[in-house]
Amino acid sequence: MFGEDAIAQQLADARATLSTAIKSPEAGQVAPVVVEGVEGLLRLTLGTEGRVDKFEFDPRIMRIGSEVLFGEIKRMVNAALDERAEAIGTDEPLPDLEAINESVAEIQDRSLRQFQAMRASIDEVMSKIHGGK
């Protein structure tokens, strides 16, 4: 049977592991994604966090007209997002590790208080059984 200290240590270890993952999110990051358009006149870089980091263009791009330009930008953004999703390997969002860590901390605190209350009750019952009040 696990004692209060063993359970507390297991929960503390789990929290430490989550804290490490929170502090080093780069371990799960995807390399930046670069997409080019209009024969190299446009370049879009999606950063490691999945947001647009850079948008570069050659001034000659202004000759193609706004409708074509905005259509190409839309295509490039969608292509970059698709490429990043493919690199991650899932369409599911990444879990919020900070929220998980906070939940584990709350569970640990509550469970320790409950174990202490149960232990106090058991100690009281045992003292009554063994000739206490």
N, C-alpha and C. Protein backbone atom coordinates (compact mmCIF):
# COMPACT_ATOMS: atom_id res chain seq x y z
N MET A 1 0.85 -1.18 0.00
CA MET A 1 0.00 0.00 0.00
C MET A 1 0.89 1.24 0.00
N PHE A 2 0.50 2.22 -0.81
CA PHE A 2 1.26 3.45 -0.89
C PHE A 2 0.95 4.35 0.29
N GLY A 3 1.99 4.92 0.83
CA GLY A 3 1.82 5.87 1.90
C GLY A 3 1.67 7.27 1.37
N GLU A 4 1.37 8.17 2.24
CA GLU A 4 1.17 9.58 1.90
C GLU A 4 2.42 10.16 1.23
N ASP A 5 3.58 9.81 1.76
CA ASP A 5 4.82 10.34 1.21
C ASP A 5 5.10 9.82 -0.20
N ALA A 6 4.80 8.54 -0.44
CA ALA A 6 5.04 7.95 -1.76
C ALA A 6 4.14 8.59 -2.81
N ILE A 7 2.88 8.81 -2.48
CA ILE A 7 1.95 9.44 -3.42
C ILE A 7 2.36 10.89 -3.67
N ALA A 8 2.73 11.58 -2.60
CA ALA A 8 3.19 12.97 -2.75
C ALA A 8 4.42 13.03 -3.65
N GLN A 9 5.33 12.09 -3.51
CA GLN A 9 6.53 12.08 -4.34
C GLN A 9 6.20 11.80 -5.80
N GLN A 10 5.28 10.86 -6.04
CA GLN A 10 4.89 10.55 -7.42
C GLN A 10 4.26 11.78 -8.09
N LEU A 11 3.38 12.47 -7.37
CA LEU A 11 2.76 13.67 -7.93
C LEU A 11 3.79 14.77 -8.15
N ALA A 12 4.72 14.93 -7.23
CA ALA A 12 5.76 15.94 -7.38
C ALA A 12 6.63 15.62 -8.60
N ASP A 13 6.94 14.34 -8.80
CA ASP A 13 7.73 13.94 -9.98
C ASP A 13 6.98 14.26 -11.27
N ALA A 14 5.67 13.99 -11.29
CA ALA A 14 4.86 14.28 -12.48
C ALA A 14 4.85 15.78 -12.75
N ARG A 15 4.72 16.56 -11.70
CA ARG A 15 4.73 18.02 -11.87
C ARG A 15 6.08 18.50 -12.37
N ALA A 16 7.16 17.91 -11.89
CA ALA A 16 8.49 18.32 -12.33
C ALA A 16 8.67 18.01 -13.82
N THR A 17 8.16 16.86 -14.25
CA THR A 17 8.25 16.50 -15.67
C THR A 17 7.48 17.49 -16.52
N LEU A 18 6.27 17.86 -16.07
CA LEU A 18 5.48 18.84 -16.82
C LEU A 18 6.17 20.19 -16.84
N SER A 19 6.76 20.59 -15.73
CA SER A 19 7.46 21.87 -15.68
C SER A 19 8.61 21.91 -16.67
N THR A 20 9.32 20.80 -16.79
CA THR A 20 10.43 20.71 -17.74
C THR A 20 9.90 20.88 -19.16
N ALA A 21 8.78 20.25 -19.46
CA ALA A 21 8.20 20.36 -20.80
C ALA A 21 7.74 21.78 -21.07
N ILE A 22 7.22 22.45 -20.06
CA ILE A 22 6.76 23.83 -20.23
C ILE A 22 7.94 24.75 -20.48
N LYS A 23 9.03 24.52 -19.76
CA LYS A 23 10.21 25.39 -19.88
C LYS A 23 10.97 25.16 -21.17
N SER A 24 10.82 24.01 -21.80
CA SER A 24 11.54 23.74 -23.05
C SER A 24 10.57 23.29 -24.14
N PRO A 25 9.66 24.19 -24.54
CA PRO A 25 8.69 23.80 -25.58
C PRO A 25 9.32 23.58 -26.94
N GLU A 26 10.57 24.04 -27.12
CA GLU A 26 11.22 23.88 -28.42
C GLU A 26 11.40 22.42 -28.80
N ALA A 27 11.32 21.53 -27.80
CA ALA A 27 11.47 20.11 -28.10
C ALA A 27 10.37 19.61 -29.03
N GLY A 28 9.19 20.19 -28.93
CA GLY A 28 8.07 19.75 -29.77
C GLY A 28 7.79 20.66 -30.94
N GLN A 29 8.69 21.60 -31.20
CA GLN A 29 8.44 22.56 -32.25
C GLN A 29 8.82 22.01 -33.62
N VAL A 30 8.18 22.59 -34.60
CA VAL A 30 8.43 22.24 -35.98
C VAL A 30 9.32 23.33 -36.57
N ALA A 31 10.20 22.96 -37.46
CA ALA A 31 11.07 23.94 -38.11
C ALA A 31 10.23 24.97 -38.87
N PRO A 32 10.74 26.16 -39.04
CA PRO A 32 10.00 27.17 -39.81
C PRO A 32 9.66 26.65 -41.21
N VAL A 33 8.51 27.09 -41.71
CA VAL A 33 8.04 26.68 -43.03
C VAL A 33 8.16 27.89 -43.96
N VAL A 34 8.79 27.69 -45.12
CA VAL A 34 8.94 28.77 -46.10
C VAL A 34 8.20 28.36 -47.37
N VAL A 35 7.35 29.27 -47.85
CA VAL A 35 6.59 29.03 -49.08
C VAL A 35 6.84 30.20 -50.02
N GLU A 36 7.10 29.87 -51.28
CA GLU A 36 7.31 30.91 -52.29
C GLU A 36 6.14 30.96 -53.24
N GLY A 37 5.93 32.13 -53.83
CA GLY A 37 4.85 32.30 -54.80
C GLY A 37 5.25 33.23 -55.91
N VAL A 38 4.47 33.22 -56.97
CA VAL A 38 4.66 34.05 -58.15
C VAL A 38 6.13 34.02 -58.60
N GLU A 39 6.57 32.83 -58.93
CA GLU A 39 7.92 32.61 -59.47
C GLU A 39 9.01 33.24 -58.59
N GLY A 40 8.86 33.11 -57.27
CA GLY A 40 9.87 33.58 -56.35
C GLY A 40 9.78 35.05 -55.97
N LEU A 41 8.75 35.75 -56.45
CA LEU A 41 8.62 37.17 -56.12
C LEU A 41 8.03 37.39 -54.72
N LEU A 42 7.39 36.37 -54.18
CA LEU A 42 6.83 36.42 -52.82
C LEU A 42 7.44 35.30 -52.00
N ARG A 43 7.66 35.56 -50.73
CA ARG A 43 8.16 34.53 -49.81
C ARG A 43 7.52 34.72 -48.45
N LEU A 44 6.91 33.66 -47.94
CA LEU A 44 6.25 33.67 -46.64
C LEU A 44 6.96 32.69 -45.72
N THR A 45 7.27 33.13 -44.50
CA THR A 45 7.89 32.25 -43.51
C THR A 45 6.95 32.11 -42.33
N LEU A 46 6.58 30.88 -42.04
CA LEU A 46 5.78 30.56 -40.87
C LEU A 46 6.76 30.12 -39.79
N GLY A 47 6.77 30.83 -38.64
CA GLY A 47 7.73 30.55 -37.59
C GLY A 47 7.46 29.25 -36.84
N THR A 48 8.34 28.94 -35.90
CA THR A 48 8.25 27.69 -35.15
C THR A 48 6.98 27.59 -34.32
N GLU A 49 6.40 28.74 -33.94
CA GLU A 49 5.19 28.73 -33.13
C GLU A 49 3.92 28.65 -33.98
N GLY A 50 4.08 28.65 -35.33
CA GLY A 50 2.94 28.48 -36.22
C GLY A 50 2.31 29.79 -36.67
N ARG A 51 2.97 30.90 -36.44
CA ARG A 51 2.45 32.19 -36.84
C ARG A 51 3.34 32.77 -37.95
N VAL A 52 2.78 33.68 -38.74
CA VAL A 52 3.55 34.29 -39.82
C VAL A 52 4.69 35.08 -39.21
N ASP A 53 5.91 34.74 -39.60
CA ASP A 53 7.10 35.38 -39.06
C ASP A 53 7.61 36.47 -40.01
N LYS A 54 7.67 36.13 -41.31
CA LYS A 54 8.17 37.09 -42.30
C LYS A 54 7.34 36.98 -43.57
N PHE A 55 7.22 38.13 -44.22
CA PHE A 55 6.61 38.16 -45.54
C PHE A 55 7.49 39.06 -46.39
N GLU A 56 8.14 38.47 -47.37
CA GLU A 56 9.06 39.22 -48.22
C GLU A 56 8.51 39.26 -49.64
N PHE A 57 8.77 40.38 -50.32
CA PHE A 57 8.31 40.49 -51.71
C PHE A 57 9.26 41.34 -52.52
N ASP A 58 9.30 41.02 -53.78
CA ASP A 58 10.06 41.79 -54.75
C ASP A 58 9.11 42.89 -55.24
N PRO A 59 9.54 44.14 -55.31
CA PRO A 59 8.66 45.23 -55.74
C PRO A 59 8.00 44.99 -57.10
N ARG A 60 8.59 44.16 -57.95
CA ARG A 60 7.99 43.87 -59.26
C ARG A 60 6.64 43.18 -59.13
N ILE A 61 6.35 42.64 -57.93
CA ILE A 61 5.08 41.93 -57.73
C ILE A 61 3.88 42.86 -57.88
N MET A 62 4.09 44.17 -57.68
CA MET A 62 2.99 45.12 -57.74
C MET A 62 2.39 45.23 -59.14
N ARG A 63 3.05 44.71 -60.13
CA ARG A 63 2.56 44.76 -61.51
C ARG A 63 1.45 43.74 -61.80
N ILE A 64 1.27 42.76 -60.92
CA ILE A 64 0.33 41.69 -61.26
C ILE A 64 -1.12 41.99 -60.90
N GLY A 65 -1.39 43.03 -60.17
CA GLY A 65 -2.77 43.37 -59.82
C GLY A 65 -3.15 42.83 -58.45
N SER A 66 -4.00 43.58 -57.77
CA SER A 66 -4.34 43.26 -56.38
C SER A 66 -5.11 41.95 -56.22
N GLU A 67 -6.02 41.63 -57.10
CA GLU A 67 -6.81 40.39 -56.96
C GLU A 67 -5.90 39.17 -57.06
N VAL A 68 -5.03 39.17 -58.03
CA VAL A 68 -4.11 38.05 -58.19
C VAL A 68 -3.15 37.99 -57.01
N LEU A 69 -2.66 39.15 -56.58
CA LEU A 69 -1.72 39.22 -55.46
C LEU A 69 -2.35 38.65 -54.19
N PHE A 70 -3.55 39.10 -53.84
CA PHE A 70 -4.19 38.62 -52.61
C PHE A 70 -4.58 37.15 -52.71
N GLY A 71 -4.96 36.70 -53.88
CA GLY A 71 -5.24 35.28 -54.07
C GLY A 71 -3.99 34.43 -53.85
N GLU A 72 -2.85 34.93 -54.33
CA GLU A 72 -1.58 34.21 -54.16
C GLU A 72 -1.15 34.21 -52.69
N ILE A 73 -1.33 35.33 -52.01
CA ILE A 73 -0.99 35.39 -50.57
C ILE A 73 -1.85 34.40 -49.80
N LYS A 74 -3.13 34.34 -50.09
CA LYS A 74 -4.03 33.39 -49.43
C LYS A 74 -3.56 31.95 -49.68
N ARG A 75 -3.21 31.65 -50.93
CA ARG A 75 -2.74 30.30 -51.27
C ARG A 75 -1.47 29.97 -50.49
N MET A 76 -0.56 30.93 -50.39
CA MET A 76 0.71 30.70 -49.71
C MET A 76 0.51 30.45 -48.22
N VAL A 77 -0.34 31.26 -47.59
CA VAL A 77 -0.60 31.08 -46.15
C VAL A 77 -1.20 29.70 -45.91
N ASN A 78 -2.19 29.33 -46.71
CA ASN A 78 -2.81 28.01 -46.55
C ASN A 78 -1.83 26.88 -46.81
N ALA A 79 -0.97 27.04 -47.80
CA ALA A 79 0.03 26.00 -48.08
C ALA A 79 1.01 25.88 -46.91
N ALA A 80 1.42 27.00 -46.34
CA ALA A 80 2.34 26.96 -45.20
C ALA A 80 1.68 26.29 -44.00
N LEU A 81 0.41 26.62 -43.74
CA LEU A 81 -0.30 26.00 -42.61
C LEU A 81 -0.46 24.50 -42.83
N ASP A 82 -0.78 24.11 -44.07
CA ASP A 82 -0.90 22.68 -44.38
C ASP A 82 0.43 21.95 -44.19
N GLU A 83 1.51 22.57 -44.65
CA GLU A 83 2.83 21.95 -44.52
C GLU A 83 3.22 21.80 -43.05
N ARG A 84 2.91 22.81 -42.26
CA ARG A 84 3.22 22.75 -40.82
C ARG A 84 2.39 21.66 -40.14
N ALA A 85 1.09 21.59 -40.47
CA ALA A 85 0.23 20.56 -39.88
C ALA A 85 0.74 19.17 -40.24
N GLU A 86 1.20 19.01 -41.46
CA GLU A 86 1.75 17.72 -41.89
C GLU A 86 3.03 17.39 -41.12
N ALA A 87 3.86 18.40 -40.87
CA ALA A 87 5.11 18.18 -40.13
C ALA A 87 4.84 17.80 -38.68
N ILE A 88 3.80 18.38 -38.11
CA ILE A 88 3.43 18.04 -36.73
C ILE A 88 2.87 16.63 -36.68
N GLY A 89 2.16 16.25 -37.73
CA GLY A 89 1.65 14.88 -37.80
C GLY A 89 0.27 14.71 -37.20
N THR A 90 -0.39 15.79 -36.82
CA THR A 90 -1.72 15.68 -36.26
C THR A 90 -2.46 16.99 -36.45
N ASP A 91 -3.77 16.89 -36.54
CA ASP A 91 -4.60 18.09 -36.62
C ASP A 91 -5.08 18.51 -35.24
N GLU A 92 -4.76 17.69 -34.24
CA GLU A 92 -5.20 17.99 -32.89
C GLU A 92 -4.32 19.08 -32.29
N PRO A 93 -4.93 20.00 -31.53
CA PRO A 93 -4.12 21.03 -30.90
C PRO A 93 -3.23 20.44 -29.80
N LEU A 94 -2.09 21.06 -29.57
CA LEU A 94 -1.18 20.61 -28.51
C LEU A 94 -1.82 20.90 -27.16
N PRO A 95 -1.61 20.04 -26.18
CA PRO A 95 -2.21 20.28 -24.86
C PRO A 95 -1.57 21.48 -24.18
N ASP A 96 -2.36 22.15 -23.35
CA ASP A 96 -1.87 23.28 -22.57
C ASP A 96 -1.16 22.73 -21.34
N LEU A 97 0.17 22.62 -21.43
CA LEU A 97 0.94 22.00 -20.36
C LEU A 97 0.88 22.79 -19.06
N GLU A 98 0.80 24.10 -19.15
CA GLU A 98 0.70 24.91 -17.92
C GLU A 98 -0.60 24.62 -17.19
N ALA A 99 -1.70 24.51 -17.93
CA ALA A 99 -2.99 24.21 -17.30
C ALA A 99 -2.97 22.81 -16.67
N ILE A 100 -2.34 21.86 -17.36
CA ILE A 100 -2.23 20.50 -16.81
C ILE A 100 -1.41 20.53 -15.53
N ASN A 101 -0.30 21.26 -15.54
CA ASN A 101 0.56 21.35 -14.36
C ASN A 101 -0.20 21.96 -13.18
N GLU A 102 -0.96 23.02 -13.44
CA GLU A 102 -1.75 23.64 -12.38
C GLU A 102 -2.80 22.67 -11.84
N SER A 103 -3.43 21.90 -12.72
CA SER A 103 -4.43 20.91 -12.27
C SER A 103 -3.79 19.84 -11.40
N VAL A 104 -2.62 19.36 -11.81
CA VAL A 104 -1.92 18.34 -11.01
C VAL A 104 -1.56 18.91 -9.64
N ALA A 105 -1.13 20.16 -9.60
CA ALA A 105 -0.79 20.80 -8.33
C ALA A 105 -2.01 20.88 -7.42
N GLU A 106 -3.14 21.25 -7.98
CA GLU A 106 -4.38 21.32 -7.18
C GLU A 106 -4.77 19.94 -6.66
N ILE A 107 -4.68 18.94 -7.54
CA ILE A 107 -5.01 17.57 -7.13
C ILE A 107 -4.08 17.12 -6.02
N GLN A 108 -2.79 17.43 -6.16
CA GLN A 108 -1.82 17.03 -5.15
C GLN A 108 -2.15 17.70 -3.81
N ASP A 109 -2.41 18.97 -3.84
CA ASP A 109 -2.72 19.69 -2.59
C ASP A 109 -3.98 19.13 -1.92
N ARG A 110 -5.02 18.92 -2.72
CA ARG A 110 -6.27 18.38 -2.16
C ARG A 110 -6.08 16.98 -1.62
N SER A 111 -5.37 16.14 -2.37
CA SER A 111 -5.21 14.75 -1.93
C SER A 111 -4.38 14.67 -0.66
N LEU A 112 -3.36 15.50 -0.55
CA LEU A 112 -2.56 15.49 0.68
C LEU A 112 -3.39 15.92 1.89
N ARG A 113 -4.23 16.93 1.71
CA ARG A 113 -5.10 17.35 2.82
C ARG A 113 -6.07 16.23 3.19
N GLN A 114 -6.59 15.53 2.17
CA GLN A 114 -7.51 14.42 2.46
C GLN A 114 -6.80 13.28 3.15
N PHE A 115 -5.58 12.96 2.72
CA PHE A 115 -4.82 11.91 3.38
C PHE A 115 -4.52 12.29 4.83
N GLN A 116 -4.18 13.53 5.06
CA GLN A 116 -3.90 13.97 6.43
C GLN A 116 -5.15 13.87 7.30
N ALA A 117 -6.31 14.24 6.74
CA ALA A 117 -7.56 14.13 7.49
C ALA A 117 -7.89 12.67 7.78
N MET A 118 -7.70 11.80 6.78
CA MET A 118 -7.96 10.37 6.99
C MET A 118 -7.00 9.79 8.03
N ARG A 119 -5.76 10.19 7.95
CA ARG A 119 -4.78 9.68 8.91
C ARG A 119 -5.13 10.12 10.34
N ALA A 120 -5.56 11.38 10.47
CA ALA A 120 -5.96 11.87 11.79
C ALA A 120 -7.14 11.07 12.32
N SER A 121 -8.10 10.78 11.44
CA SER A 121 -9.27 9.99 11.86
C SER A 121 -8.86 8.58 12.26
N ILE A 122 -7.98 7.97 11.47
CA ILE A 122 -7.52 6.62 11.79
C ILE A 122 -6.75 6.62 13.10
N ASP A 123 -5.89 7.61 13.31
CA ASP A 123 -5.14 7.72 14.57
C ASP A 123 -6.09 7.86 15.76
N GLU A 124 -7.14 8.64 15.57
CA GLU A 124 -8.13 8.83 16.65
C GLU A 124 -8.83 7.52 16.97
N VAL A 125 -9.25 6.80 15.93
CA VAL A 125 -9.92 5.52 16.13
C VAL A 125 -8.98 4.52 16.79
N MET A 126 -7.74 4.48 16.34
CA MET A 126 -6.77 3.54 16.92
C MET A 126 -6.49 3.86 18.39
N SER A 127 -6.42 5.13 18.72
CA SER A 127 -6.17 5.46 20.13
C SER A 127 -7.36 5.08 21.00
N LYS A 128 -8.57 5.18 20.45
CA LYS A 128 -9.77 4.76 21.21
C LYS A 128 -9.78 3.26 21.38
N ILE A 129 -9.38 2.54 20.32
CA ILE A 129 -9.35 1.07 20.39
C ILE A 129 -8.32 0.60 21.42
N HIS A 130 -7.20 1.28 21.49
CA HIS A 130 -6.11 0.86 22.36
C HIS A 130 -6.19 1.49 23.76
N GLY A 131 -7.37 1.84 24.16
CA GLY A 131 -7.54 2.28 25.53
C GLY A 131 -7.55 3.79 25.72
N GLY A 132 -7.64 4.51 24.65
CA GLY A 132 -7.72 5.96 24.80
C GLY A 132 -9.10 6.35 25.30
N LYS A 133 -9.46 7.54 25.13
CA LYS A 133 -10.75 8.04 25.63
C LYS A 133 -11.92 7.33 25.10
